[in-house]
Protein backbone atom coordinates (compact mmCIF):
# COMPACT_ATOMS: atom_id res chain seq x y z
CA MET A 1 80.18 116.21 140.83
CA PHE A 2 78.18 118.39 143.35
CA LYS A 3 80.04 116.87 146.30
CA SER A 4 83.35 117.51 144.57
CA LYS A 5 82.57 121.22 144.08
CA VAL A 6 81.44 121.65 147.70
CA LEU A 7 84.60 119.95 148.94
CA LYS A 8 86.71 122.23 146.78
CA LYS A 9 85.02 125.37 148.20
CA VAL A 10 85.55 124.16 151.77
CA GLN A 11 89.24 123.50 151.05
CA LEU A 12 89.71 126.99 149.63
CA LEU A 13 87.89 128.59 152.59
CA LEU A 14 90.06 126.78 155.13
CA PHE A 15 93.18 127.72 153.18
CA SER A 16 92.17 131.40 153.21
CA VAL A 17 91.63 131.34 156.98
CA PHE A 18 95.00 129.65 157.40
CA VAL A 19 96.75 132.27 155.26
CA VAL A 20 95.25 135.16 157.27
CA SER A 21 96.20 133.55 160.58
CA VAL A 22 99.76 132.87 159.57
CA SER A 23 100.19 136.30 158.03
CA CYS A 24 99.27 137.89 161.34
CA ALA A 25 101.77 135.74 163.20
CA SER A 26 104.75 136.19 160.88
CA ASP A 27 105.45 137.76 157.51
CA SER A 28 108.31 135.32 156.90
CA VAL A 29 106.32 132.09 156.58
CA ALA A 30 106.23 130.66 153.01
CA ILE A 31 102.75 129.70 151.91
CA THR A 32 102.17 126.93 149.33
CA PRO A 33 98.70 126.91 147.77
CA PRO A 34 96.84 123.65 147.34
CA ASP A 35 97.28 121.68 144.10
CA SER A 36 95.14 122.77 141.19
CA ASP A 37 92.01 120.75 140.63
CA THR A 38 92.87 120.47 136.93
CA ASP A 39 93.38 116.83 135.92
CA THR A 40 96.58 116.01 134.00
CA PRO A 41 95.62 113.99 130.91
CA GLU A 42 97.35 110.64 130.55
CA ASP A 43 99.31 109.85 127.39
CA PRO A 44 96.99 107.92 125.08
CA GLN A 45 97.99 104.28 124.60
CA GLU A 46 98.44 103.37 120.94
CA GLU A 47 96.20 100.45 120.16
CA VAL A 48 98.04 97.36 118.89
CA LYS A 49 96.54 96.12 115.63
CA ILE A 50 96.00 92.36 115.77
CA ILE A 51 96.92 90.45 112.62
CA ASP A 52 95.72 86.85 112.68
CA VAL A 53 95.94 85.34 109.21
CA ASN A 54 93.71 82.47 110.28
CA LYS A 55 90.84 84.98 110.52
CA ALA A 56 91.42 86.64 107.13
CA ASP A 57 88.69 86.71 104.45
CA VAL A 58 89.38 83.66 102.26
CA ASN A 59 87.85 85.37 99.22
CA TYR A 60 90.76 87.78 98.87
CA PRO A 61 94.54 87.81 99.34
CA THR A 62 95.26 87.65 103.07
CA PHE A 63 96.76 91.14 103.28
CA VAL A 64 93.49 92.68 102.09
CA SER A 65 91.93 91.89 105.49
CA PHE A 66 94.59 93.92 107.34
CA ASP A 67 95.92 96.61 104.98
CA ASP A 68 94.12 96.71 101.65
CA THR A 69 96.50 98.26 99.13
CA THR A 70 94.59 97.00 96.10
CA PRO A 71 94.44 99.75 93.44
CA THR A 72 91.03 101.43 93.61
CA ASP A 73 90.29 100.79 89.94
CA MET A 74 91.20 97.08 90.14
CA VAL A 75 89.65 93.94 91.60
CA TRP A 76 91.00 90.49 92.55
CA GLU A 77 89.63 87.59 90.49
CA LYS A 78 90.21 84.05 91.81
CA VAL A 79 92.17 81.68 89.54
CA GLU A 80 90.64 78.30 90.33
CA ALA A 81 93.21 76.34 88.29
CA LEU A 82 95.91 77.62 90.69
CA SER A 83 93.89 77.38 93.91
CA ASP A 84 93.21 74.30 96.01
CA GLU A 85 92.09 73.46 99.56
CA PHE A 86 93.73 70.03 99.11
CA ASP A 87 90.80 67.91 100.19
CA VAL A 88 91.84 65.43 97.47
CA TRP A 89 94.61 65.16 94.89
CA ASN A 90 93.46 66.93 91.72
CA ASP A 91 95.06 65.60 88.53
CA ASP A 92 93.58 68.49 86.56
CA LYS A 93 95.63 71.00 88.54
CA TRP A 94 98.86 69.31 89.67
CA VAL A 95 101.59 67.05 88.33
CA LYS A 96 104.68 65.51 89.93
CA THR A 97 107.60 66.80 87.85
CA ASN A 98 110.44 65.07 89.63
CA TRP A 99 113.87 66.35 88.70
CA ASN A 100 117.10 65.95 90.64
CA TYR A 101 119.33 68.89 91.54
CA GLY A 102 123.01 68.47 90.76
CA ASP A 103 125.64 68.12 93.48
CA THR A 104 123.08 66.84 95.99
CA PRO A 105 121.98 63.46 97.42
CA VAL A 106 118.43 64.20 96.20
CA ASN A 107 116.28 61.65 94.37
CA MET A 108 112.74 62.82 93.59
CA VAL A 109 110.07 60.13 93.32
CA ASN A 110 106.27 60.10 93.03
CA LYS A 111 105.64 58.16 96.23
CA ASN A 112 107.06 60.94 98.39
CA SER A 113 104.23 63.42 97.77
CA GLY A 114 100.46 63.38 97.89
CA VAL A 115 97.33 64.74 99.55
CA THR A 116 96.12 63.42 102.93
CA ASP A 117 94.00 64.90 105.73
CA GLY A 118 93.47 68.20 103.94
CA ASN A 119 97.16 68.81 103.21
CA LEU A 120 99.44 68.55 100.25
CA TRP A 121 102.56 66.89 101.66
CA ILE A 122 106.12 66.24 100.52
CA LYS A 123 108.17 63.84 102.59
CA ALA A 124 111.92 63.21 102.78
CA THR A 125 112.91 59.56 103.39
CA TRP A 126 116.17 57.63 103.58
CA ASP A 127 116.95 55.27 100.71
CA LYS A 128 119.41 52.92 102.36
CA THR A 129 120.15 51.19 99.04
CA SER A 130 121.90 54.25 97.60
CA GLU A 131 125.15 55.87 98.70
CA THR A 132 124.80 58.89 96.45
CA GLN A 133 121.04 59.60 96.16
CA TRP A 134 119.80 58.62 99.60
CA PHE A 135 117.55 61.69 100.14
CA GLU A 136 114.24 60.59 98.59
CA THR A 137 111.76 63.42 98.12
CA SER A 138 109.37 64.85 95.53
CA ARG A 139 108.17 67.90 93.60
CA VAL A 140 104.67 69.13 92.77
CA ARG A 141 104.01 71.62 89.96
CA SER A 142 100.88 73.29 88.62
CA LYS A 143 99.62 72.39 85.14
CA THR A 144 98.61 76.02 84.57
CA ALA A 145 101.05 78.92 84.19
CA ILE A 146 100.31 82.56 85.01
CA LYS A 147 101.75 86.03 84.46
CA PHE A 148 101.55 89.41 86.19
CA PRO A 149 99.59 91.18 87.55
CA MET A 150 98.76 88.39 89.98
CA TYR A 151 99.03 87.29 93.58
CA THR A 152 99.55 83.79 94.99
CA GLU A 153 99.93 82.50 98.55
CA CYS A 154 99.91 79.24 100.47
CA ARG A 155 99.63 78.20 104.10
CA ILE A 156 102.66 76.03 104.82
CA LYS A 157 104.39 74.27 107.70
CA THR A 158 107.94 73.13 107.07
CA ALA A 159 109.70 69.87 107.79
CA HIS A 160 112.12 70.19 110.72
CA ILE A 161 115.21 68.79 109.00
CA SER A 162 118.13 70.54 107.35
CA ALA A 163 116.56 71.07 103.94
CA PHE A 164 114.92 73.77 101.86
CA ASN A 165 111.11 73.75 101.97
CA THR A 166 110.12 75.73 98.89
CA PHE A 167 107.24 77.52 97.21
CA TRP A 168 108.22 79.16 93.95
CA LEU A 169 107.34 80.11 90.37
CA ASN A 170 109.37 79.08 87.34
CA ASN A 171 109.36 78.56 83.61
CA GLY A 172 112.11 77.91 81.11
CA ASP A 173 115.48 76.17 81.25
CA ILE A 174 118.99 76.83 82.51
CA ASN A 175 119.73 79.27 79.66
CA ASN A 176 116.37 81.02 79.31
CA ARG A 177 114.07 81.25 82.31
CA ASP A 178 112.13 83.43 84.71
CA GLU A 179 111.96 82.41 88.38
CA ILE A 180 110.44 83.88 91.55
CA ASP A 181 111.36 82.07 94.78
CA ILE A 182 108.75 83.00 97.40
CA ILE A 183 110.36 80.85 100.09
CA GLU A 184 113.36 78.59 100.54
CA ASN A 185 113.08 77.95 104.28
CA ASN A 186 115.21 75.71 106.47
CA SER A 187 114.08 75.49 110.12
CA ASN A 188 116.92 73.23 111.27
CA PRO A 189 120.31 73.89 109.60
CA SER A 190 123.02 71.37 110.41
CA ARG A 191 126.06 73.46 109.47
CA GLU A 192 127.82 76.35 111.18
CA SER A 193 127.28 79.79 109.64
CA LEU A 194 129.77 80.49 106.87
CA GLY A 195 130.22 82.81 103.92
CA GLY A 196 127.76 85.48 105.00
CA PHE A 197 124.86 83.08 105.57
CA ASP A 198 123.56 83.50 109.13
CA LEU A 199 122.18 80.01 109.69
CA ASP A 200 121.28 80.82 113.28
CA GLU A 201 118.51 83.01 111.84
CA TYR A 202 117.22 80.46 109.31
CA PRO A 203 114.44 79.09 111.59
CA TRP A 204 112.73 82.51 111.18
CA GLN A 205 114.25 83.82 107.95
CA MET A 206 112.13 83.91 104.77
CA ASN A 207 114.59 83.39 101.94
CA SER A 208 113.12 85.04 98.81
CA GLN A 209 114.74 85.94 95.49
CA TYR A 210 114.35 86.04 91.72
CA PHE A 211 116.26 84.90 88.64
CA ILE A 212 116.04 86.13 85.08
CA VAL A 213 118.25 84.18 82.70
CA LYS A 214 118.49 85.24 79.05
CA ASN A 215 120.95 83.62 76.64
CA GLY A 216 122.79 82.05 79.57
CA VAL A 217 123.32 85.37 81.40
CA THR A 218 121.85 85.42 84.93
CA GLU A 219 120.34 88.34 86.80
CA ARG A 220 119.28 87.70 90.39
CA ALA A 221 118.69 89.49 93.69
CA LYS A 222 117.34 88.61 97.11
CA GLY A 223 114.34 89.97 98.99
CA ASN A 224 114.83 88.18 102.31
CA SER A 225 112.93 88.98 105.49
CA SER A 226 112.28 87.53 108.95
CA ASN A 227 109.12 86.76 110.85
CA LYS A 228 110.85 88.29 113.87
CA ASN A 229 110.21 91.65 112.18
CA LEU A 230 106.47 91.26 111.89
CA SER A 231 104.37 93.87 113.68
CA GLU A 232 103.78 93.48 117.42
CA GLY A 233 100.15 92.50 116.91
CA ASN A 234 100.91 89.66 114.48
CA THR A 235 100.09 86.35 116.17
CA LEU A 236 102.90 84.58 114.26
CA LYS A 237 105.69 87.02 115.08
CA GLY A 238 108.83 85.09 116.05
CA VAL A 239 107.27 81.64 115.50
CA LYS A 240 109.62 79.18 113.78
CA TRP A 241 108.66 77.71 110.41
CA ASN A 242 108.14 74.19 111.78
CA GLU A 243 106.13 75.28 114.83
CA ALA A 244 103.04 76.57 113.02
CA TYR A 245 101.52 77.09 109.60
CA HIS A 246 102.60 80.39 108.02
CA VAL A 247 101.04 82.17 105.06
CA VAL A 248 103.63 83.14 102.43
CA GLY A 249 102.85 84.89 99.17
CA ALA A 250 103.95 87.11 96.31
CA TRP A 251 102.26 89.97 94.50
CA TRP A 252 103.83 89.88 91.04
CA LYS A 253 102.87 93.42 90.11
CA ASP A 254 104.45 94.00 86.71
CA ALA A 255 107.37 93.03 84.48
CA HIS A 256 109.89 94.29 87.05
CA THR A 257 108.32 94.24 90.53
CA VAL A 258 107.54 91.51 93.06
CA GLN A 259 106.32 92.25 96.60
CA PHE A 260 106.61 89.29 98.95
CA TYR A 261 104.17 88.79 101.84
CA LEU A 262 104.50 86.97 105.14
CA ASP A 263 101.56 86.27 107.47
CA GLY A 264 99.46 89.11 106.10
CA GLU A 265 102.21 91.74 105.99
CA PRO A 266 104.52 92.97 103.21
CA SER A 267 108.02 91.60 103.73
CA GLY A 268 110.83 91.58 101.16
CA LYS A 269 110.62 93.18 97.73
CA VAL A 270 112.60 92.86 94.49
CA THR A 271 112.84 95.11 91.43
CA THR A 272 114.48 93.67 88.32
CA THR A 273 116.57 95.30 85.62
CA GLN A 274 115.52 92.98 82.82
CA ALA A 275 111.83 92.26 82.34
CA PHE A 276 109.99 89.08 83.29
CA THR A 277 108.64 87.75 79.98
CA LEU A 278 107.37 84.22 80.68
CA ASP A 279 104.20 82.81 82.22
CA GLN A 280 105.27 80.81 85.28
CA PHE A 281 104.13 77.62 87.06
CA LEU A 282 103.64 77.18 90.83
CA ILE A 283 106.04 74.65 92.39
CA TRP A 284 106.68 73.05 95.78
CA ASP A 285 109.60 70.79 96.64
CA LEU A 286 111.82 69.69 99.53
CA TRP A 287 115.54 69.27 98.93
CA THR A 288 118.94 69.54 100.57
CA GLN A 289 122.58 70.21 99.84
CA ASP A 290 125.79 70.32 101.85
CA SER A 291 126.33 74.02 101.18
CA PRO A 292 126.52 77.09 103.44
CA TRP A 293 123.51 78.72 101.76
CA VAL A 294 121.15 75.72 102.04
CA GLY A 295 122.38 74.89 105.55
CA GLY A 296 123.90 71.43 105.27
CA LEU A 297 122.60 67.87 105.10
CA PRO A 298 120.18 66.37 107.61
CA ASN A 299 120.96 63.39 109.79
CA LYS A 300 119.80 60.33 107.88
CA GLU A 301 118.01 58.99 110.96
CA GLU A 302 115.75 62.08 110.90
CA LEU A 303 114.38 60.93 107.55
CA GLU A 304 112.78 57.98 109.32
CA ASP A 305 110.93 60.23 111.76
CA ASP A 306 107.51 61.19 110.39
CA THR A 307 107.15 63.93 113.01
CA VAL A 308 109.92 66.01 111.38
CA ASN A 309 110.48 64.76 107.80
CA THR A 310 107.39 66.19 106.08
CA MET A 311 106.41 69.63 104.81
CA ARG A 312 102.68 70.32 104.59
CA VAL A 313 100.61 72.81 102.59
CA ASP A 314 97.10 73.43 103.93
CA TRP A 315 95.92 75.41 100.90
CA VAL A 316 97.04 77.53 97.96
CA ARG A 317 95.05 80.48 96.55
CA THR A 318 95.79 82.59 93.51
CA TRP A 319 94.21 85.70 92.01
CA LYS A 320 94.59 87.83 88.89
CA LEU A 321 94.28 91.59 89.20
CA LYS A 322 91.63 92.85 86.78
CA SER A 323 90.19 96.26 85.90
CA LYS A 324 86.77 96.96 87.38
């Protein structure tokens, strides 16, 4: 600092001598003073917030670790009956409720789901004995149902075939039901885009929606999002569903509101007209259909490839929101 001040004084002294000399020689010479010693402050760089769901506090919903929007007078209480690290298959929590969708080649069977190596898995295989129901798969459902206010999430990696890998809530029947679809993800559509469904975006698109059906009348709306739109600091931004485990969840806030979450950040949201009235079960399944909204049927040969034909769930965790 001392040297800097001395140097500045010397520069000013020399400049003064120079000005006097030049002024004596000619009044027409333009004089430019030396630059000011004042430093120009640099624009501050905005710090990028890192969101890594694999480092979130496991005792709370993932988003709490990054942007805690829990009401100040409420607290999250773990629901053990709807939470599992999947170290073993737990008959007290889960049941295989196999049911076949119409207008599909799907045949759900017990052997195509289970728990191995710390994952719940559902596998699609090729039944070569059937011409019509050749897509063997399975469904897993909770034995316990739950109602708002609650939050549930799972860490999931999809199969890389043209099929919907799902995590959803449901109760009721075709004429009277409540349903919240957290994800219906297809990382590898086989069809061309048609009818407003941009299948080129499906490897990143989180398809979310709800249904309320009362007396056979259906109300539904979508709350889709994309992991391409995650914040810049999110370590899973732009990563396809089959390339890594993603954390997907839903905060079922009240009788009309569901906020979906993707990798620790709020994503899509839905607000209903009619009220949700039923407790709902957690469900996973893997299924396909030759339709523009599912994305088309997979190649049958892919169903013999264990590197692409299986969806895996690392864990599921569920909480109720309680008053303090």
